[in-house]
Amino acid sequence: MNQSQNNKAQFEEIIQRYHHDFSDFDEFASEEEKLIVMHYITQEANRAQRRLVGLE
């Protein structure tokens, strides 16, 4: 499993744990979980921007 698949798996697992509820996630998630989720979201946003400008 490559790094991006591992990140996505971690992201999915954490999001499932909080039932896709950002309020619960924000209130109850550990700092490490928040970091993992925000990092994944940032990576995906950057990937989308690179596609838009034709870099990927």
PDB file of N, CA and C in Angstrom:
ATOM      1  N   MET A   1       0.855  -1.180   0.000  1.00  0.00           N
ATOM      2  CA  MET A   1       0.000   0.000   0.000  1.00  0.00           C
ATOM      3  C   MET A   1       0.898   1.239   0.000  1.00  0.00           C
ATOM      4  N   ASN A   2       0.675   2.129  -0.947  1.00  0.00           N
ATOM      5  CA  ASN A   2       1.527   3.308  -0.986  1.00  0.00           C
ATOM      6  C   ASN A   2       1.051   4.358   0.018  1.00  0.00           C
ATOM      7  N   GLN A   3       1.828   5.425   0.155  1.00  0.00           N
ATOM      8  CA  GLN A   3       1.577   6.444   1.179  1.00  0.00           C
ATOM      9  C   GLN A   3       0.217   7.114   1.024  1.00  0.00           C
ATOM     10  N   SER A   4      -0.182   7.468  -0.199  1.00  0.00           N
ATOM     11  CA  SER A   4      -1.460   8.156  -0.382  1.00  0.00           C
ATOM     12  C   SER A   4      -2.644   7.249  -0.050  1.00  0.00           C
ATOM     13  N   GLN A   5      -2.520   5.961  -0.354  1.00  0.00           N
ATOM     14  CA  GLN A   5      -3.585   5.010  -0.004  1.00  0.00           C
ATOM     15  C   GLN A   5      -3.668   4.843   1.509  1.00  0.00           C
ATOM     16  N   ASN A   6      -2.503   4.827   2.162  1.00  0.00           N
ATOM     17  CA  ASN A   6      -2.459   4.709   3.614  1.00  0.00           C
ATOM     18  C   ASN A   6      -3.094   5.944   4.262  1.00  0.00           C
ATOM     19  N   ASN A   7      -2.780   7.137   3.734  1.00  0.00           N
ATOM     20  CA  ASN A   7      -3.367   8.370   4.255  1.00  0.00           C
ATOM     21  C   ASN A   7      -4.877   8.360   4.089  1.00  0.00           C
ATOM     22  N   LYS A   8      -5.336   7.906   2.933  1.00  0.00           N
ATOM     23  CA  LYS A   8      -6.776   7.862   2.685  1.00  0.00           C
ATOM     24  C   LYS A   8      -7.451   6.870   3.627  1.00  0.00           C
ATOM     25  N   ALA A   9      -6.819   5.733   3.857  1.00  0.00           N
ATOM     26  CA  ALA A   9      -7.376   4.728   4.764  1.00  0.00           C
ATOM     27  C   ALA A   9      -7.479   5.278   6.186  1.00  0.00           C
ATOM     28  N   GLN A  10      -6.433   5.974   6.631  1.00  0.00           N
ATOM     29  CA  GLN A  10      -6.466   6.589   7.961  1.00  0.00           C
ATOM     30  C   GLN A  10      -7.570   7.638   8.030  1.00  0.00           C
ATOM     31  N   PHE A  11      -7.665   8.467   6.998  1.00  0.00           N
ATOM     32  CA  PHE A  11      -8.689   9.509   6.931  1.00  0.00           C
ATOM     33  C   PHE A  11     -10.080   8.889   7.030  1.00  0.00           C
ATOM     34  N   GLU A  12     -10.336   7.875   6.215  1.00  0.00           N
ATOM     35  CA  GLU A  12     -11.642   7.215   6.204  1.00  0.00           C
ATOM     36  C   GLU A  12     -11.974   6.604   7.565  1.00  0.00           C
ATOM     37  N   GLU A  13     -10.995   5.971   8.178  1.00  0.00           N
ATOM     38  CA  GLU A  13     -11.210   5.342   9.483  1.00  0.00           C
ATOM     39  C   GLU A  13     -11.584   6.384  10.546  1.00  0.00           C
ATOM     40  N   ILE A  14     -10.878   7.496  10.550  1.00  0.00           N
ATOM     41  CA  ILE A  14     -11.158   8.553  11.532  1.00  0.00           C
ATOM     42  C   ILE A  14     -12.528   9.169  11.283  1.00  0.00           C
ATOM     43  N   ILE A  15     -12.834   9.454  10.030  1.00  0.00           N
ATOM     44  CA  ILE A  15     -14.129  10.068   9.703  1.00  0.00           C
ATOM     45  C   ILE A  15     -15.275   9.131  10.079  1.00  0.00           C
ATOM     46  N   GLN A  16     -15.103   7.841   9.829  1.00  0.00           N
ATOM     47  CA  GLN A  16     -16.130   6.861  10.207  1.00  0.00           C
ATOM     48  C   GLN A  16     -16.325   6.829  11.723  1.00  0.00           C
ATOM     49  N   ARG A  17     -15.229   6.944  12.453  1.00  0.00           N
ATOM     50  CA  ARG A  17     -15.290   6.887  13.919  1.00  0.00           C
ATOM     51  C   ARG A  17     -16.190   7.992  14.488  1.00  0.00           C
ATOM     52  N   TYR A  18     -16.226   9.131  13.799  1.00  0.00           N
ATOM     53  CA  TYR A  18     -17.043  10.259  14.269  1.00  0.00           C
ATOM     54  C   TYR A  18     -18.320  10.417  13.436  1.00  0.00           C
ATOM     55  N   HIS A  19     -18.684   9.367  12.704  1.00  0.00           N
ATOM     56  CA  HIS A  19     -19.945   9.297  11.959  1.00  0.00           C
ATOM     57  C   HIS A  19     -20.132  10.463  10.983  1.00  0.00           C
ATOM     58  N   HIS A  20     -19.047  10.903  10.362  1.00  0.00           N
ATOM     59  CA  HIS A  20     -19.068  11.990   9.380  1.00  0.00           C
ATOM     60  C   HIS A  20     -19.644  13.285   9.970  1.00  0.00           C
ATOM     61  N   ASP A  21     -19.541  13.436  11.281  1.00  0.00           N
ATOM     62  CA  ASP A  21     -20.081  14.613  11.976  1.00  0.00           C
ATOM     63  C   ASP A  21     -18.912  15.501  12.393  1.00  0.00           C
ATOM     64  N   PHE A  22     -18.783  16.649  11.726  1.00  0.00           N
ATOM     65  CA  PHE A  22     -17.644  17.526  12.017  1.00  0.00           C
ATOM     66  C   PHE A  22     -17.699  18.054  13.439  1.00  0.00           C
ATOM     67  N   SER A  23     -18.884  18.302  13.956  1.00  0.00           N
ATOM     68  CA  SER A  23     -19.010  18.799  15.325  1.00  0.00           C
ATOM     69  C   SER A  23     -18.447  17.791  16.320  1.00  0.00           C
ATOM     70  N   ASP A  24     -18.821  16.526  16.179  1.00  0.00           N
ATOM     71  CA  ASP A  24     -18.274  15.482  17.054  1.00  0.00           C
ATOM     72  C   ASP A  24     -16.771  15.341  16.849  1.00  0.00           C
ATOM     73  N   PHE A  25     -16.352  15.375  15.612  1.00  0.00           N
ATOM     74  CA  PHE A  25     -14.931  15.271  15.304  1.00  0.00           C
ATOM     75  C   PHE A  25     -14.167  16.395  15.981  1.00  0.00           C
ATOM     76  N   ASP A  26     -14.638  17.610  15.838  1.00  0.00           N
ATOM     77  CA  ASP A  26     -13.955  18.776  16.400  1.00  0.00           C
ATOM     78  C   ASP A  26     -13.900  18.699  17.925  1.00  0.00           C
ATOM     79  N   GLU A  27     -14.953  18.203  18.526  1.00  0.00           N
ATOM     80  CA  GLU A  27     -15.031  18.163  19.987  1.00  0.00           C
ATOM     81  C   GLU A  27     -14.248  17.001  20.600  1.00  0.00           C
ATOM     82  N   PHE A  28     -14.299  15.833  19.963  1.00  0.00           N
ATOM     83  CA  PHE A  28     -13.773  14.630  20.603  1.00  0.00           C
ATOM     84  C   PHE A  28     -12.491  14.059  20.000  1.00  0.00           C
ATOM     85  N   ALA A  29     -12.105  14.481  18.828  1.00  0.00           N
ATOM     86  CA  ALA A  29     -10.916  13.909  18.185  1.00  0.00           C
ATOM     87  C   ALA A  29      -9.648  14.356  18.898  1.00  0.00           C
ATOM     88  N   SER A  30      -8.661  13.475  18.892  1.00  0.00           N
ATOM     89  CA  SER A  30      -7.360  13.828  19.466  1.00  0.00           C
ATOM     90  C   SER A  30      -6.650  14.795  18.514  1.00  0.00           C
ATOM     91  N   GLU A  31      -5.628  15.433  19.014  1.00  0.00           N
ATOM     92  CA  GLU A  31      -4.853  16.353  18.172  1.00  0.00           C
ATOM     93  C   GLU A  31      -4.219  15.607  16.999  1.00  0.00           C
ATOM     94  N   GLU A  32      -3.782  14.380  17.236  1.00  0.00           N
ATOM     95  CA  GLU A  32      -3.183  13.578  16.166  1.00  0.00           C
ATOM     96  C   GLU A  32      -4.211  13.273  15.075  1.00  0.00           C
ATOM     97  N   GLU A  33      -5.426  12.917  15.481  1.00  0.00           N
ATOM     98  CA  GLU A  33      -6.474  12.638  14.499  1.00  0.00           C
ATOM     99  C   GLU A  33      -6.812  13.892  13.695  1.00  0.00           C
ATOM    100  N   LYS A  34      -6.890  15.019  14.364  1.00  0.00           N
ATOM    101  CA  LYS A  34      -7.173  16.283  13.666  1.00  0.00           C
ATOM    102  C   LYS A  34      -6.074  16.590  12.663  1.00  0.00           C
ATOM    103  N   LEU A  35      -4.832  16.376  13.054  1.00  0.00           N
ATOM    104  CA  LEU A  35      -3.706  16.625  12.160  1.00  0.00           C
ATOM    105  C   LEU A  35      -3.766  15.728  10.934  1.00  0.00           C
ATOM    106  N   ILE A  36      -4.062  14.447  11.127  1.00  0.00           N
ATOM    107  CA  ILE A  36      -4.154  13.496  10.015  1.00  0.00           C
ATOM    108  C   ILE A  36      -5.248  13.920   9.040  1.00  0.00           C
ATOM    109  N   VAL A  37      -6.432  14.262   9.562  1.00  0.00           N
ATOM    110  CA  VAL A  37      -7.561  14.633   8.713  1.00  0.00           C
ATOM    111  C   VAL A  37      -7.280  15.936   7.968  1.00  0.00           C
ATOM    112  N   MET A  38      -6.789  16.940   8.660  1.00  0.00           N
ATOM    113  CA  MET A  38      -6.523  18.226   8.007  1.00  0.00           C
ATOM    114  C   MET A  38      -5.407  18.102   6.976  1.00  0.00           C
ATOM    115  N   HIS A  39      -4.420  17.269   7.261  1.00  0.00           N
ATOM    116  CA  HIS A  39      -3.335  17.047   6.304  1.00  0.00           C
ATOM    117  C   HIS A  39      -3.877  16.391   5.029  1.00  0.00           C
ATOM    118  N   TYR A  40      -4.741  15.403   5.191  1.00  0.00           N
ATOM    119  CA  TYR A  40      -5.322  14.728   4.031  1.00  0.00           C
ATOM    120  C   TYR A  40      -6.169  15.703   3.204  1.00  0.00           C
ATOM    121  N   ILE A  41      -6.980  16.499   3.873  1.00  0.00           N
ATOM    122  CA  ILE A  41      -7.819  17.482   3.169  1.00  0.00           C
ATOM    123  C   ILE A  41      -6.946  18.467   2.403  1.00  0.00           C
ATOM    124  N   THR A  42      -5.866  18.910   3.019  1.00  0.00           N
ATOM    125  CA  THR A  42      -4.941  19.842   2.364  1.00  0.00           C
ATOM    126  C   THR A  42      -4.301  19.205   1.140  1.00  0.00           C
ATOM    127  N   GLN A  43      -3.868  17.961   1.256  1.00  0.00           N
ATOM    128  CA  GLN A  43      -3.274  17.256   0.112  1.00  0.00           C
ATOM    129  C   GLN A  43      -4.263  17.150  -1.043  1.00  0.00           C
ATOM    130  N   GLU A  44      -5.496  16.818  -0.746  1.00  0.00           N
ATOM    131  CA  GLU A  44      -6.510  16.676  -1.794  1.00  0.00           C
ATOM    132  C   GLU A  44      -6.832  18.019  -2.445  1.00  0.00           C
ATOM    133  N   ALA A  45      -6.879  19.079  -1.658  1.00  0.00           N
ATOM    134  CA  ALA A  45      -7.131  20.418  -2.215  1.00  0.00           C
ATOM    135  C   ALA A  45      -5.984  20.827  -3.136  1.00  0.00           C
ATOM    136  N   ASN A  46      -4.767  20.573  -2.715  1.00  0.00           N
ATOM    137  CA  ASN A  46      -3.606  20.894  -3.555  1.00  0.00           C
ATOM    138  C   ASN A  46      -3.616  20.084  -4.841  1.00  0.00           C
ATOM    139  N   ARG A  47      -3.985  18.822  -4.748  1.00  0.00           N
ATOM    140  CA  ARG A  47      -4.045  17.963  -5.936  1.00  0.00           C
ATOM    141  C   ARG A  47      -5.094  18.508  -6.925  1.00  0.00           C
ATOM    142  N   ALA A  48      -6.237  18.931  -6.412  1.00  0.00           N
ATOM    143  CA  ALA A  48      -7.293  19.481  -7.273  1.00  0.00           C
ATOM    144  C   ALA A  48      -6.823  20.774  -7.942  1.00  0.00           C
ATOM    145  N   GLN A  49      -6.119  21.616  -7.206  1.00  0.00           N
ATOM    146  CA  GLN A  49      -5.607  22.861  -7.780  1.00  0.00           C
ATOM    147  C   GLN A  49      -4.573  22.581  -8.863  1.00  0.00           C
ATOM    148  N   ARG A  50      -3.708  21.589  -8.637  1.00  0.00           N
ATOM    149  CA  ARG A  50      -2.709  21.250  -9.663  1.00  0.00           C
ATOM    150  C   ARG A  50      -3.370  20.753 -10.929  1.00  0.00           C
ATOM    151  N   ARG A  51      -4.443  19.983 -10.789  1.00  0.00           N
ATOM    152  CA  ARG A  51      -5.182  19.502 -11.963  1.00  0.00           C
ATOM    153  C   ARG A  51      -5.794  20.671 -12.723  1.00  0.00           C
ATOM    154  N   LEU A  52      -6.342  21.622 -12.002  1.00  0.00           N
ATOM    155  CA  LEU A  52      -6.989  22.774 -12.640  1.00  0.00           C
ATOM    156  C   LEU A  52      -6.018  23.573 -13.503  1.00  0.00           C
ATOM    157  N   VAL A  53      -4.794  23.724 -13.027  1.00  0.00           N
ATOM    158  CA  VAL A  53      -3.832  24.518 -13.791  1.00  0.00           C
ATOM    159  C   VAL A  53      -2.981  23.672 -14.726  1.00  0.00           C
ATOM    160  N   GLY A  54      -3.255  22.386 -14.785  1.00  0.00           N
ATOM    161  CA  GLY A  54      -2.583  21.511 -15.738  1.00  0.00           C
ATOM    162  C   GLY A  54      -1.235  21.005 -15.313  1.00  0.00           C
ATOM    163  N   LEU A  55      -0.931  21.039 -14.048  1.00  0.00           N
ATOM    164  CA  LEU A  55       0.361  20.548 -13.572  1.00  0.00           C
ATOM    165  C   LEU A  55       0.334  19.048 -13.296  1.00  0.00           C
ATOM    166  N   GLU A  56      -0.830  18.474 -13.281  1.00  0.00           N
ATOM    167  CA  GLU A  56      -0.935  17.047 -13.011  1.00  0.00           C
ATOM    168  C   GLU A  56      -1.812  16.367 -14.011  1.00  0.00           C
TER     169      GLU A  56
END
